[in-house]
């Protein structure tokens, strides 16, 4: 899968994104989106709790979330939970 990294700004906050050239779709860092939408100071904890709740409710959405390597603030690449546009709307 050929990918192109990009940073999008939303209300002056960074949202890490990847463009999948082959499938022609964007993937967004779920943690970054959660931080923007909830203004949480602990977006990883928020996402962890939300995943547990979705799993408990029987939602398959959290099971279908993938991980891609994205650049972090320390300029290193780490596996990050990502969602495409459709998955992101379902989470919201």
N, C-alpha and C. Protein backbone atom coordinates (compact mmCIF):
# COMPACT_ATOMS: atom_id res chain seq x y z
N UNK A 1 0.84 -1.16 0.00
CA UNK A 1 0.00 0.00 0.00
C UNK A 1 0.89 1.23 0.00
N UNK A 2 0.77 2.07 -0.99
CA UNK A 2 1.53 3.31 -1.03
C UNK A 2 0.78 4.37 -0.26
N UNK A 3 1.50 5.06 0.63
CA UNK A 3 0.87 6.05 1.50
C UNK A 3 1.63 7.35 1.45
N UNK A 4 0.92 8.42 1.73
CA UNK A 4 1.52 9.73 1.84
C UNK A 4 1.09 10.33 3.16
N UNK A 5 2.07 10.70 4.01
CA UNK A 5 1.78 11.32 5.30
C UNK A 5 1.40 12.77 5.11
N UNK A 6 0.51 13.24 5.96
CA UNK A 6 0.15 14.65 5.95
C UNK A 6 -0.36 15.04 7.33
N UNK A 7 -0.26 16.31 7.63
CA UNK A 7 -0.80 16.85 8.87
C UNK A 7 -1.90 17.82 8.45
N UNK A 8 -3.07 17.64 9.02
CA UNK A 8 -4.19 18.56 8.78
C UNK A 8 -4.38 19.37 10.05
N UNK A 9 -4.80 20.59 9.92
CA UNK A 9 -5.08 21.42 11.08
C UNK A 9 -6.58 21.59 11.21
N UNK A 10 -7.05 21.45 12.43
CA UNK A 10 -8.46 21.67 12.73
C UNK A 10 -8.49 22.47 14.02
N UNK A 11 -9.01 23.68 13.94
CA UNK A 11 -9.04 24.57 15.10
C UNK A 11 -7.67 24.65 15.77
N UNK A 12 -6.63 24.83 14.96
CA UNK A 12 -5.24 24.97 15.40
C UNK A 12 -4.67 23.73 16.09
N UNK A 13 -5.29 22.59 15.92
CA UNK A 13 -4.76 21.35 16.47
C UNK A 13 -4.40 20.43 15.30
N UNK A 14 -3.31 19.68 15.48
CA UNK A 14 -2.85 18.79 14.42
C UNK A 14 -3.63 17.48 14.43
N UNK A 15 -3.98 17.04 13.22
CA UNK A 15 -4.60 15.73 13.04
C UNK A 15 -3.74 15.00 12.01
N UNK A 16 -3.09 13.93 12.46
CA UNK A 16 -2.23 13.17 11.55
C UNK A 16 -3.10 12.35 10.59
N UNK A 17 -2.73 12.38 9.33
CA UNK A 17 -3.49 11.67 8.31
C UNK A 17 -2.54 10.93 7.38
N UNK A 18 -3.08 9.92 6.75
CA UNK A 18 -2.36 9.18 5.70
C UNK A 18 -3.29 9.02 4.51
N UNK A 19 -2.76 9.26 3.33
CA UNK A 19 -3.51 9.05 2.10
C UNK A 19 -3.06 7.72 1.52
N UNK A 20 -4.00 6.79 1.35
CA UNK A 20 -3.73 5.49 0.74
C UNK A 20 -3.99 5.63 -0.75
N UNK A 21 -2.93 5.67 -1.52
CA UNK A 21 -3.02 5.91 -2.96
C UNK A 21 -3.79 4.79 -3.65
N UNK A 22 -3.50 3.55 -3.29
CA UNK A 22 -4.13 2.40 -3.96
C UNK A 22 -5.65 2.37 -3.75
N UNK A 23 -6.08 2.59 -2.51
CA UNK A 23 -7.52 2.53 -2.20
C UNK A 23 -8.19 3.88 -2.28
N UNK A 24 -7.41 4.92 -2.53
CA UNK A 24 -7.90 6.29 -2.65
C UNK A 24 -8.79 6.68 -1.46
N UNK A 25 -8.21 6.57 -0.27
CA UNK A 25 -8.94 6.99 0.91
C UNK A 25 -7.98 7.53 1.96
N UNK A 26 -8.51 8.40 2.79
CA UNK A 26 -7.76 8.98 3.89
C UNK A 26 -7.92 8.13 5.14
N UNK A 27 -6.86 8.08 5.94
CA UNK A 27 -6.91 7.48 7.27
C UNK A 27 -6.51 8.57 8.26
N UNK A 28 -7.23 8.63 9.38
CA UNK A 28 -7.02 9.67 10.38
C UNK A 28 -6.63 9.04 11.71
N UNK A 29 -5.73 9.69 12.43
CA UNK A 29 -5.37 9.24 13.76
C UNK A 29 -6.57 9.46 14.68
N UNK A 30 -7.08 8.38 15.25
CA UNK A 30 -8.26 8.47 16.12
C UNK A 30 -7.95 9.31 17.35
N UNK A 31 -6.77 9.14 17.92
CA UNK A 31 -6.39 9.91 19.11
C UNK A 31 -6.44 11.40 18.82
N UNK A 32 -5.91 11.81 17.66
CA UNK A 32 -5.91 13.23 17.30
C UNK A 32 -7.33 13.77 17.13
N UNK A 33 -8.18 12.99 16.49
CA UNK A 33 -9.57 13.42 16.29
C UNK A 33 -10.30 13.54 17.62
N UNK A 34 -10.08 12.57 18.50
CA UNK A 34 -10.70 12.61 19.82
C UNK A 34 -10.25 13.86 20.58
N UNK A 35 -8.97 14.16 20.49
CA UNK A 35 -8.46 15.35 21.18
C UNK A 35 -9.13 16.62 20.68
N UNK A 36 -9.33 16.72 19.37
CA UNK A 36 -9.96 17.90 18.79
C UNK A 36 -11.43 17.99 19.19
N UNK A 37 -12.14 16.88 19.08
CA UNK A 37 -13.59 16.92 19.31
C UNK A 37 -13.98 17.01 20.79
N UNK A 38 -13.20 16.40 21.66
CA UNK A 38 -13.57 16.36 23.08
C UNK A 38 -12.81 17.37 23.92
N UNK A 39 -11.73 17.91 23.35
CA UNK A 39 -10.83 18.79 24.08
C UNK A 39 -10.29 18.12 25.34
N UNK A 40 -10.22 16.79 25.30
CA UNK A 40 -9.71 16.01 26.42
C UNK A 40 -8.21 16.20 26.56
N UNK A 41 -7.74 16.26 27.80
CA UNK A 41 -6.30 16.33 28.01
C UNK A 41 -5.69 14.93 28.08
N UNK A 42 -6.56 13.90 28.01
CA UNK A 42 -6.10 12.50 28.00
C UNK A 42 -6.82 11.73 26.88
N UNK A 43 -6.56 12.08 25.62
CA UNK A 43 -7.28 11.44 24.52
C UNK A 43 -7.02 9.93 24.41
N UNK A 44 -5.83 9.47 24.78
CA UNK A 44 -5.55 8.02 24.72
C UNK A 44 -6.44 7.26 25.70
N UNK A 45 -6.60 7.79 26.90
CA UNK A 45 -7.46 7.18 27.90
C UNK A 45 -8.91 7.20 27.43
N UNK A 46 -9.34 8.32 26.85
CA UNK A 46 -10.69 8.46 26.31
C UNK A 46 -10.94 7.37 25.26
N UNK A 47 -9.98 7.19 24.35
CA UNK A 47 -10.12 6.19 23.29
C UNK A 47 -10.13 4.78 23.87
N UNK A 48 -9.29 4.52 24.83
CA UNK A 48 -9.25 3.20 25.47
C UNK A 48 -10.60 2.87 26.11
N UNK A 49 -11.16 3.83 26.84
CA UNK A 49 -12.47 3.63 27.47
C UNK A 49 -13.57 3.44 26.43
N UNK A 50 -13.52 4.23 25.36
CA UNK A 50 -14.53 4.12 24.30
C UNK A 50 -14.45 2.76 23.60
N UNK A 51 -13.22 2.29 23.33
CA UNK A 51 -13.06 0.97 22.70
C UNK A 51 -13.64 -0.12 23.58
N UNK A 52 -13.38 -0.04 24.88
CA UNK A 52 -13.90 -1.05 25.82
C UNK A 52 -15.43 -1.01 25.83
N UNK A 53 -16.00 0.18 25.81
CA UNK A 53 -17.46 0.33 25.82
C UNK A 53 -18.06 -0.25 24.53
N UNK A 54 -17.45 0.06 23.39
CA UNK A 54 -17.94 -0.45 22.11
C UNK A 54 -17.88 -1.98 22.08
N UNK A 55 -16.79 -2.53 22.58
CA UNK A 55 -16.63 -3.98 22.60
C UNK A 55 -17.70 -4.63 23.49
N UNK A 56 -17.94 -4.01 24.65
CA UNK A 56 -18.94 -4.52 25.59
C UNK A 56 -20.34 -4.50 24.97
N UNK A 57 -20.61 -3.47 24.17
CA UNK A 57 -21.91 -3.33 23.51
C UNK A 57 -22.04 -4.24 22.29
N UNK A 58 -20.97 -4.91 21.92
CA UNK A 58 -21.00 -5.82 20.79
C UNK A 58 -20.71 -5.18 19.45
N UNK A 59 -20.25 -3.94 19.47
CA UNK A 59 -19.93 -3.25 18.22
C UNK A 59 -18.67 -3.86 17.61
N UNK A 60 -18.73 -4.10 16.32
CA UNK A 60 -17.56 -4.64 15.63
C UNK A 60 -16.65 -3.53 15.12
N UNK A 61 -17.08 -2.30 15.28
CA UNK A 61 -16.30 -1.18 14.77
C UNK A 61 -14.91 -1.14 15.39
N UNK A 62 -14.82 -1.31 16.69
CA UNK A 62 -13.51 -1.25 17.34
C UNK A 62 -12.60 -2.39 16.89
N UNK A 63 -13.18 -3.52 16.50
CA UNK A 63 -12.39 -4.64 16.01
C UNK A 63 -11.86 -4.39 14.61
N UNK A 64 -12.55 -3.53 13.85
CA UNK A 64 -12.16 -3.24 12.47
C UNK A 64 -11.20 -2.07 12.35
N UNK A 65 -10.88 -1.44 13.46
CA UNK A 65 -9.94 -0.33 13.45
C UNK A 65 -8.54 -0.88 13.21
N UNK A 66 -7.85 -0.25 12.28
CA UNK A 66 -6.50 -0.70 11.96
C UNK A 66 -5.45 0.16 12.62
N UNK A 67 -4.21 -0.22 12.43
CA UNK A 67 -3.08 0.56 12.92
C UNK A 67 -2.12 0.81 11.78
N UNK A 68 -1.64 2.02 11.71
CA UNK A 68 -0.63 2.39 10.73
C UNK A 68 0.45 3.18 11.45
N UNK A 69 1.66 3.15 10.92
CA UNK A 69 2.74 3.93 11.52
C UNK A 69 2.56 5.39 11.13
N UNK A 70 2.51 6.23 12.15
CA UNK A 70 2.38 7.67 11.95
C UNK A 70 3.45 8.37 12.76
N UNK A 71 3.88 9.51 12.27
CA UNK A 71 4.93 10.26 12.93
C UNK A 71 4.37 10.95 14.17
N UNK A 72 5.10 10.83 15.27
CA UNK A 72 4.67 11.47 16.51
C UNK A 72 5.44 12.77 16.73
N UNK A 73 5.15 13.41 17.83
CA UNK A 73 5.79 14.70 18.13
C UNK A 73 7.31 14.59 18.31
N UNK A 74 7.81 13.38 18.61
CA UNK A 74 9.26 13.19 18.73
C UNK A 74 9.91 12.80 17.40
N UNK A 75 9.15 12.93 16.30
CA UNK A 75 9.59 12.64 14.93
C UNK A 75 9.83 11.17 14.64
N UNK A 76 9.48 10.29 15.58
CA UNK A 76 9.57 8.86 15.34
C UNK A 76 8.21 8.36 14.87
N UNK A 77 8.21 7.19 14.23
CA UNK A 77 6.97 6.61 13.73
C UNK A 77 6.53 5.48 14.65
N UNK A 78 5.27 5.54 15.07
CA UNK A 78 4.69 4.53 15.95
C UNK A 78 3.36 4.06 15.37
N UNK A 79 3.01 2.80 15.65
CA UNK A 79 1.71 2.32 15.23
C UNK A 79 0.63 3.08 15.99
N UNK A 80 -0.34 3.56 15.24
CA UNK A 80 -1.41 4.39 15.78
C UNK A 80 -2.74 3.87 15.27
N UNK A 81 -3.75 3.83 16.13
CA UNK A 81 -5.09 3.45 15.69
C UNK A 81 -5.59 4.50 14.71
N UNK A 82 -6.07 4.01 13.56
CA UNK A 82 -6.56 4.91 12.52
C UNK A 82 -7.94 4.46 12.05
N UNK A 83 -8.65 5.41 11.47
CA UNK A 83 -9.96 5.11 10.90
C UNK A 83 -10.07 5.84 9.57
N UNK A 84 -10.77 5.20 8.63
CA UNK A 84 -11.05 5.90 7.38
C UNK A 84 -12.25 6.82 7.63
N UNK A 85 -12.66 7.54 6.65
CA UNK A 85 -13.73 8.52 6.82
C UNK A 85 -15.02 7.89 7.30
N UNK A 86 -15.41 6.77 6.71
CA UNK A 86 -16.65 6.09 7.11
C UNK A 86 -16.59 5.64 8.56
N UNK A 87 -15.48 5.01 8.94
CA UNK A 87 -15.34 4.54 10.32
C UNK A 87 -15.35 5.72 11.30
N UNK A 88 -14.71 6.80 10.90
CA UNK A 88 -14.65 7.97 11.76
C UNK A 88 -16.03 8.54 12.01
N UNK A 89 -16.85 8.63 10.97
CA UNK A 89 -18.23 9.11 11.14
C UNK A 89 -19.03 8.19 12.04
N UNK A 90 -18.80 6.90 11.96
CA UNK A 90 -19.50 5.95 12.82
C UNK A 90 -19.10 6.14 14.28
N UNK A 91 -17.82 6.41 14.50
CA UNK A 91 -17.36 6.65 15.87
C UNK A 91 -17.98 7.93 16.45
N UNK A 92 -18.02 8.96 15.61
CA UNK A 92 -18.57 10.24 16.07
C UNK A 92 -20.04 10.09 16.37
